[in-house]
C-alpha atoms as a PDB file:
ATOM      1  CA  MET A   1     -74.604 118.565-136.880  1.00  0.00           C
ATOM      2  CA  SER A   2     -71.562 120.850-135.742  1.00  0.00           C
ATOM      3  CA  THR A   3     -69.148 119.965-137.562  1.00  0.00           C
ATOM      4  CA  THR A   4     -66.740 118.122-135.325  1.00  0.00           C
ATOM      5  CA  ASP A   5     -70.209 115.399-136.076  1.00  0.00           C
ATOM      6  CA  ASN A   6     -70.075 116.106-139.410  1.00  0.00           C
ATOM      7  CA  GLU A   7     -66.298 115.337-139.875  1.00  0.00           C
ATOM      8  CA  GLU A   8     -66.395 112.363-137.696  1.00  0.00           C
ATOM      9  CA  LEU A   9     -68.995 110.727-140.558  1.00  0.00           C
ATOM     10  CA  ILE A  10     -66.420 112.081-143.390  1.00  0.00           C
ATOM     11  CA  GLY A  11     -63.630 109.340-141.858  1.00  0.00           C
ATOM     12  CA  LEU A  12     -66.236 106.542-141.113  1.00  0.00           C
ATOM     13  CA  LEU A  13     -67.705 106.670-144.589  1.00  0.00           C
ATOM     14  CA  SER A  14     -64.226 107.046-145.994  1.00  0.00           C
ATOM     15  CA  ASP A  15     -63.555 104.428-144.311  1.00  0.00           C
ATOM     16  CA  TYR A  16     -65.669 102.115-145.519  1.00  0.00           C
ATOM     17  CA  PHE A  17     -64.982 103.322-149.558  1.00  0.00           C
ATOM     18  CA  ALA A  18     -61.214 102.519-149.228  1.00  0.00           C
ATOM     19  CA  VAL A  19     -62.076  98.800-147.893  1.00  0.00           C
ATOM     20  CA  LEU A  20     -64.933  98.141-150.089  1.00  0.00           C
ATOM     21  CA  GLY A  21     -64.775 100.780-152.595  1.00  0.00           C
ATOM     22  CA  GLY A  22     -66.867 102.747-154.757  1.00  0.00           C
ATOM     23  CA  GLY A  23     -68.556 106.859-152.755  1.00  0.00           C
ATOM     24  CA  LEU A  24     -67.290 110.227-153.837  1.00  0.00           C
ATOM     25  CA  PRO A  25     -64.493 112.039-152.885  1.00  0.00           C
ATOM     26  CA  ALA A  26     -63.977 113.780-150.531  1.00  0.00           C
ATOM     27  CA  ASP A  27     -65.693 117.145-151.199  1.00  0.00           C
ATOM     28  CA  GLU A  28     -69.181 115.837-152.769  1.00  0.00           C
ATOM     29  CA  LEU A  29     -68.865 113.628-149.836  1.00  0.00           C
ATOM     30  CA  THR A  30     -68.638 116.810-147.514  1.00  0.00           C
ATOM     31  CA  HIS A  31     -70.767 118.182-149.549  1.00  0.00           C
ATOM     32  CA  ARG A  32     -73.686 115.174-149.922  1.00  0.00           C
ATOM     33  CA  LEU A  33     -73.776 115.223-146.021  1.00  0.00           C
ATOM     34  CA  HIS A  34     -74.481 118.556-144.638  1.00  0.00           C
ATOM     35  CA  ALA A  35     -77.304 118.894-147.445  1.00  0.00           C
ATOM     36  CA  ILE A  36     -79.135 115.775-144.981  1.00  0.00           C
ATOM     37  CA  ARG A  37     -80.982 117.376-141.908  1.00  0.00           C
ATOM     38  CA  THR A  38     -83.241 115.009-142.107  1.00  0.00           C
ATOM     39  CA  PRO A  39     -84.828 111.367-142.034  1.00  0.00           C
ATOM     40  CA  ASN A  40     -87.155 112.157-145.476  1.00  0.00           C
ATOM     41  CA  ASP A  41     -83.370 113.412-146.758  1.00  0.00           C
ATOM     42  CA  ILE A  42     -82.184 109.444-145.970  1.00  0.00           C
ATOM     43  CA  ALA A  43     -85.775 108.584-147.884  1.00  0.00           C
ATOM     44  CA  VAL A  44     -84.651 110.021-150.847  1.00  0.00           C
ATOM     45  CA  ILE A  45     -81.221 108.154-150.959  1.00  0.00           C
ATOM     46  CA  ASP A  46     -82.542 105.328-150.224  1.00  0.00           C
ATOM     47  CA  ASP A  47     -85.148 105.641-153.037  1.00  0.00           C
ATOM     48  CA  ASP A  48     -81.864 105.502-155.817  1.00  0.00           C
ATOM     49  CA  GLN A  49     -80.047 102.774-155.600  1.00  0.00           C
ATOM     50  CA  HIS A  50     -77.851 103.983-157.874  1.00  0.00           C
ATOM     51  CA  ASP A  51     -76.789 106.674-155.721  1.00  0.00           C
ATOM     52  CA  PRO A  52     -72.975 106.545-153.851  1.00  0.00           C
ATOM     53  CA  LEU A  53     -74.817 107.374-150.685  1.00  0.00           C
ATOM     54  CA  TRP A  54     -76.992 104.436-151.299  1.00  0.00           C
ATOM     55  CA  ARG A  55     -75.190 102.086-149.592  1.00  0.00           C
ATOM     56  CA  VAL A  56     -74.819 103.840-146.783  1.00  0.00           C
ATOM     57  CA  ALA A  57     -77.409 105.062-145.401  1.00  0.00           C
ATOM     58  CA  PRO A  58     -78.062 102.870-142.672  1.00  0.00           C
ATOM     59  CA  GLN A  59     -75.165 104.655-140.952  1.00  0.00           C
ATOM     60  CA  ILE A  60     -75.540 108.140-142.098  1.00  0.00           C
ATOM     61  CA  MET A  61     -79.606 107.781-140.500  1.00  0.00           C
ATOM     62  CA  MET A  62     -77.613 105.889-137.250  1.00  0.00           C
ATOM     63  CA  GLN A  63     -75.169 108.466-136.759  1.00  0.00           C
ATOM     64  CA  ARG A  64     -76.681 111.676-137.788  1.00  0.00           C
ATOM     65  CA  PHE A  65     -80.849 110.899-135.977  1.00  0.00           C
ATOM     66  CA  GLY A  66     -80.134 108.085-134.406  1.00  0.00           C
ATOM     67  CA  VAL A  67     -81.024 104.659-133.208  1.00  0.00           C
ATOM     68  CA  ASP A  68     -85.036 104.826-132.901  1.00  0.00           C
ATOM     69  CA  ALA A  69     -85.525 106.322-136.547  1.00  0.00           C
ATOM     70  CA  PHE A  70     -82.216 103.394-137.541  1.00  0.00           C
ATOM     71  CA  GLN A  71     -84.840 101.144-136.571  1.00  0.00           C
ATOM     72  CA  ALA A  72     -87.543 102.873-137.566  1.00  0.00           C
ATOM     73  CA  PHE A  73     -86.927 103.259-141.029  1.00  0.00           C
ATOM     74  CA  GLN A  74     -88.939 101.339-143.852  1.00  0.00           C
ATOM     75  CA  PRO A  75     -86.721 100.557-146.904  1.00  0.00           C
ATOM     76  CA  ARG A  76     -87.803 101.270-150.515  1.00  0.00           C
ATOM     77  CA  HIS A  77     -85.767  98.400-152.078  1.00  0.00           C
ATOM     78  CA  VAL A  78     -86.447  94.822-150.208  1.00  0.00           C
ATOM     79  CA  ILE A  79     -85.131  91.088-150.538  1.00  0.00           C
ATOM     80  CA  ASP A  80     -87.212  88.460-148.758  1.00  0.00           C
ATOM     81  CA  ARG A  81     -84.382  86.522-146.902  1.00  0.00           C
ATOM     82  CA  SER A  82     -81.718  86.851-144.482  1.00  0.00           C
ATOM     83  CA  PHE A  83     -79.165  85.506-142.037  1.00  0.00           C
ATOM     84  CA  VAL A  84     -76.741  85.070-139.364  1.00  0.00           C
ATOM     85  CA  PHE A  85     -72.975  85.696-138.768  1.00  0.00           C
ATOM     86  CA  VAL A  86     -71.695  83.914-136.008  1.00  0.00           C
ATOM     87  CA  HIS A  87     -68.085  84.881-135.333  1.00  0.00           C
ATOM     88  CA  PRO A  88     -64.983  82.423-135.614  1.00  0.00           C
ATOM     89  CA  ALA A  89     -64.397  82.712-131.877  1.00  0.00           C
ATOM     90  CA  HIS A  90     -68.633  82.441-131.146  1.00  0.00           C
ATOM     91  CA  GLY A  91     -68.575  78.895-133.741  1.00  0.00           C
ATOM     92  CA  HIS A  92     -69.189  76.099-131.550  1.00  0.00           C
ATOM     93  CA  ILE A  93     -73.021  78.571-130.633  1.00  0.00           C
ATOM     94  CA  VAL A  94     -73.938  76.816-134.509  1.00  0.00           C
ATOM     95  CA  PRO A  95     -75.867  73.968-133.606  1.00  0.00           C
ATOM     96  CA  LEU A  96     -78.502  75.464-130.973  1.00  0.00           C
ATOM     97  CA  LEU A  97     -78.542  78.360-132.427  1.00  0.00           C
ATOM     98  CA  GLN A  98     -79.295  76.676-136.568  1.00  0.00           C
ATOM     99  CA  ALA A  99     -82.124  74.782-133.730  1.00  0.00           C
ATOM    100  CA  GLU A 100     -83.567  77.652-132.221  1.00  0.00           C
ATOM    101  CA  LEU A 101     -83.673  80.020-135.480  1.00  0.00           C
ATOM    102  CA  ARG A 102     -85.708  76.842-137.465  1.00  0.00           C
ATOM    103  CA  GLN A 103     -88.483  77.667-135.028  1.00  0.00           C
ATOM    104  CA  ARG A 104     -89.217  79.846-136.229  1.00  0.00           C
ATOM    105  CA  TRP A 105     -87.483  80.512-139.583  1.00  0.00           C
ATOM    106  CA  ALA A 106     -86.902  78.790-142.718  1.00  0.00           C
ATOM    107  CA  VAL A 107     -82.581  77.997-142.426  1.00  0.00           C
ATOM    108  CA  GLY A 108     -80.645  77.169-145.020  1.00  0.00           C
ATOM    109  CA  ASP A 109     -77.814  75.581-145.372  1.00  0.00           C
ATOM    110  CA  ALA A 110     -74.821  76.910-143.178  1.00  0.00           C
ATOM    111  CA  ILE A 111     -72.220  78.906-145.273  1.00  0.00           C
ATOM    112  CA  THR A 112     -68.732  79.433-144.036  1.00  0.00           C
ATOM    113  CA  ARG A 113     -66.709  82.273-144.556  1.00  0.00           C
ATOM    114  CA  GLU A 114     -63.337  83.415-144.162  1.00  0.00           C
ATOM    115  CA  LEU A 115     -63.237  86.577-141.501  1.00  0.00           C
ATOM    116  CA  THR A 116     -61.638  88.986-143.905  1.00  0.00           C
ATOM    117  CA  PRO A 117     -60.977  93.307-143.026  1.00  0.00           C
ATOM    118  CA  ALA A 118     -64.126  93.161-146.160  1.00  0.00           C
ATOM    119  CA  LEU A 119     -66.101  90.804-144.315  1.00  0.00           C
ATOM    120  CA  ILE A 120     -66.190  93.240-141.520  1.00  0.00           C
ATOM    121  CA  SER A 121     -66.339  96.059-143.325  1.00  0.00           C
ATOM    122  CA  SER A 122     -69.346  94.332-144.986  1.00  0.00           C
ATOM    123  CA  LEU A 123     -71.716  94.112-141.646  1.00  0.00           C
ATOM    124  CA  TYR A 124     -69.762  96.524-139.355  1.00  0.00           C
ATOM    125  CA  GLY A 125     -67.734  99.532-141.571  1.00  0.00           C
ATOM    126  CA  GLY A 126     -69.331 102.640-141.409  1.00  0.00           C
ATOM    127  CA  TYR A 127     -70.175 102.908-137.407  1.00  0.00           C
ATOM    128  CA  ALA A 128     -68.601 104.060-135.264  1.00  0.00           C
ATOM    129  CA  TRP A 129     -67.892 100.837-133.167  1.00  0.00           C
ATOM    130  CA  HIS A 130     -66.704  99.282-136.434  1.00  0.00           C
ATOM    131  CA  ALA A 131     -62.653 100.142-135.983  1.00  0.00           C
ATOM    132  CA  ALA A 132     -61.976  98.709-132.566  1.00  0.00           C
ATOM    133  CA  TYR A 133     -64.302  95.798-133.277  1.00  0.00           C
ATOM    134  CA  ALA A 134     -61.874  94.830-136.260  1.00  0.00           C
ATOM    135  CA  ALA A 135     -58.628  95.555-134.021  1.00  0.00           C
ATOM    136  CA  ALA A 136     -59.930  92.502-131.664  1.00  0.00           C
ATOM    137  CA  CYS A 137     -60.647  90.732-134.364  1.00  0.00           C
ATOM    138  CA  GLN A 138     -56.739  91.603-135.816  1.00  0.00           C
ATOM    139  CA  PHE A 139     -55.649  91.326-132.147  1.00  0.00           C
ATOM    140  CA  ARG A 140     -57.489  88.479-130.711  1.00  0.00           C
ATOM    141  CA  GLY A 141     -55.551  86.294-134.047  1.00  0.00           C
ATOM    142  CA  ASP A 142     -59.568  85.796-135.702  1.00  0.00           C
ATOM    143  CA  ILE A 143     -58.357  87.756-139.690  1.00  0.00           C
ATOM    144  CA  GLY A 144     -58.208  84.538-141.313  1.00  0.00           C
ATOM    145  CA  GLN A 145     -60.550  81.966-139.110  1.00  0.00           C
ATOM    146  CA  MET A 146     -63.833  80.708-140.060  1.00  0.00           C
ATOM    147  CA  ALA A 147     -66.310  82.545-139.815  1.00  0.00           C
ATOM    148  CA  THR A 148     -70.588  81.265-140.164  1.00  0.00           C
ATOM    149  CA  ILE A 149     -73.608  82.837-141.985  1.00  0.00           C
ATOM    150  CA  LEU A 150     -76.732  80.612-141.462  1.00  0.00           C
ATOM    151  CA  PRO A 151     -79.211  82.385-145.102  1.00  0.00           C
ATOM    152  CA  LEU A 152     -82.815  82.646-144.031  1.00  0.00           C
ATOM    153  CA  GLU A 153     -85.510  82.428-146.441  1.00  0.00           C
ATOM    154  CA  ARG A 154     -88.607  83.894-145.937  1.00  0.00           C
ATOM    155  CA  CYS A 155     -87.631  87.153-144.136  1.00  0.00           C
ATOM    156  CA  SER A 156     -90.739  90.103-143.966  1.00  0.00           C
ATOM    157  CA  SER A 157     -89.793  93.217-142.399  1.00  0.00           C
ATOM    158  CA  LEU A 158     -92.153  92.434-139.473  1.00  0.00           C
ATOM    159  CA  ALA A 159     -89.819  88.323-139.073  1.00  0.00           C
ATOM    160  CA  LEU A 160     -86.701  90.622-139.428  1.00  0.00           C
ATOM    161  CA  ARG A 161     -88.072  92.769-136.459  1.00  0.00           C
ATOM    162  CA  ASP A 162     -88.515  89.523-135.095  1.00  0.00           C
ATOM    163  CA  LEU A 163     -85.447  88.183-135.113  1.00  0.00           C
ATOM    164  CA  ILE A 164     -83.582  91.628-133.881  1.00  0.00           C
ATOM    165  CA  VAL A 165     -85.512  90.701-130.477  1.00  0.00           C
ATOM    166  CA  TYR A 166     -84.428  87.198-131.034  1.00  0.00           C
ATOM    167  CA  LYS A 167     -80.630  88.551-131.320  1.00  0.00           C
ATOM    168  CA  ASN A 168     -81.018  90.869-128.156  1.00  0.00           C
ATOM    169  CA  ASP A 169     -82.157  88.371-126.042  1.00  0.00           C
ATOM    170  CA  HIS A 170     -81.270  85.015-126.941  1.00  0.00           C
ATOM    171  CA  ARG A 171     -77.514  85.502-128.346  1.00  0.00           C
ATOM    172  CA  SER A 172     -75.601  86.479-124.447  1.00  0.00           C
ATOM    173  CA  ARG A 173     -77.787  82.884-123.149  1.00  0.00           C
ATOM    174  CA  LEU A 174     -75.440  81.534-126.386  1.00  0.00           C
ATOM    175  CA  SER A 175     -72.673  82.749-125.906  1.00  0.00           C
ATOM    176  CA  ALA A 176     -70.813  85.645-123.887  1.00  0.00           C
ATOM    177  CA  LYS A 177     -69.098  89.074-125.668  1.00  0.00           C
ATOM    178  CA  ILE A 178     -65.829  89.292-125.862  1.00  0.00           C
ATOM    179  CA  VAL A 179     -64.497  92.699-124.918  1.00  0.00           C
ATOM    180  CA  ILE A 180     -61.726  93.605-124.807  1.00  0.00           C
ATOM    181  CA  PRO A 181     -60.613  96.899-123.172  1.00  0.00           C
ATOM    182  CA  GLY A 182     -60.509 100.015-126.006  1.00  0.00           C
ATOM    183  CA  GLU A 183     -56.745 101.677-124.802  1.00  0.00           C
ATOM    184  CA  ARG A 184     -55.395  97.556-125.190  1.00  0.00           C
ATOM    185  CA  LEU A 185     -56.543  98.178-129.128  1.00  0.00           C
ATOM    186  CA  LYS A 186     -55.087 102.361-128.587  1.00  0.00           C
ATOM    187  CA  GLN A 187     -58.846 103.132-129.697  1.00  0.00           C
ATOM    188  CA  SER A 188     -61.733 105.211-128.163  1.00  0.00           C
ATOM    189  CA  MET A 189     -64.044 102.298-127.478  1.00  0.00           C
ATOM    190  CA  ASN A 190     -63.986  98.720-126.395  1.00  0.00           C
ATOM    191  CA  GLY A 191     -63.583  96.045-129.203  1.00  0.00           C
ATOM    192  CA  ILE A 192     -66.723  93.727-128.460  1.00  0.00           C
ATOM    193  CA  ILE A 193     -67.442  90.498-129.982  1.00  0.00           C
ATOM    194  CA  GLN A 194     -71.506  89.127-130.054  1.00  0.00           C
ATOM    195  CA  ALA A 195     -72.073  85.488-130.300  1.00  0.00           C
ATOM    196  CA  PHE A 196     -74.487  86.484-133.688  1.00  0.00           C
ATOM    197  CA  HIS A 197     -75.769  89.435-135.940  1.00  0.00           C
ATOM    198  CA  CYS A 198     -78.177  90.276-137.695  1.00  0.00           C
ATOM    199  CA  PRO A 199     -79.079  93.166-140.094  1.00  0.00           C
ATOM    200  CA  ASP A 200     -81.668  95.835-139.327  1.00  0.00           C
ATOM    201  CA  VAL A 201     -84.224  96.182-141.981  1.00  0.00           C
ATOM    202  CA  ILE A 202     -82.313  99.423-143.346  1.00  0.00           C
ATOM    203  CA  GLU A 203     -79.472  97.354-143.621  1.00  0.00           C
ATOM    204  CA  ASN A 204     -81.041  93.828-144.701  1.00  0.00           C
ATOM    205  CA  THR A 205     -81.113  94.126-148.271  1.00  0.00           C
ATOM    206  CA  ARG A 206     -77.474  96.305-148.017  1.00  0.00           C
ATOM    207  CA  GLN A 207     -75.807  94.016-146.626  1.00  0.00           C
ATOM    208  CA  LEU A 208     -76.884  90.848-148.466  1.00  0.00           C
ATOM    209  CA  LEU A 209     -76.003  92.247-151.985  1.00  0.00           C
ATOM    210  CA  SER A 210     -72.044  93.996-149.804  1.00  0.00           C
ATOM    211  CA  LEU A 211     -72.059  89.728-148.912  1.00  0.00           C
ATOM    212  CA  GLY A 212     -72.831  88.457-152.256  1.00  0.00           C
ATOM    213  CA  LEU A 213     -75.919  86.476-151.271  1.00  0.00           C
ATOM    214  CA  ALA A 214     -77.766  88.131-153.240  1.00  0.00           C
ATOM    215  CA  ASP A 215     -77.866  89.903-156.474  1.00  0.00           C
ATOM    216  CA  ALA A 216     -79.624  93.590-157.678  1.00  0.00           C
ATOM    217  CA  SER A 217     -81.509  91.934-159.956  1.00  0.00           C
ATOM    218  CA  GLU A 218     -83.377  90.137-157.377  1.00  0.00           C
ATOM    219  CA  ILE A 219     -84.711  93.171-155.795  1.00  0.00           C
END
């Protein structure tokens, strides 16, 4: 990994930990990231839930090794549940989304959560698109509005992968994505707010824990 890429990843992860707490001192974080050379190094981190980098293993995998490695990774620590997050701007889709999800997954009662910087970081923090997404939410006045979380029960890794396929095939149909040009946000990327979010397999347990939808004792 180039020095520039490593510095970008350090910045992304530092921003994540600044909002959600924890993390490592900058020099130790730099040392740890320099030592990650293959996806197997991520697997070692994933084995130890007490490793400070465990929370951000998905972000490191995505930034360092790309989307294919990210999607293929099978984490060690799993919880047999998941969720779908609906941004406040797309809240009108919740009834139809619930009905469609219930045809294939066990869907619990909807949970409402205030959209905050911490909630946004729990979903997108540490990724390259986080800053633009957060800036778009701030620009539109979405911060403080109520988002919806649809909890899903009995979600195996296969069910999670099926959910990702459903997301990719249908979320634009349910509600068109909102795109705010990066130059309006003073960001290098456009701010894109999709109809809904659901975690990939590598993210699932970590995001459940970060959102308070699960407890570490369940792993």
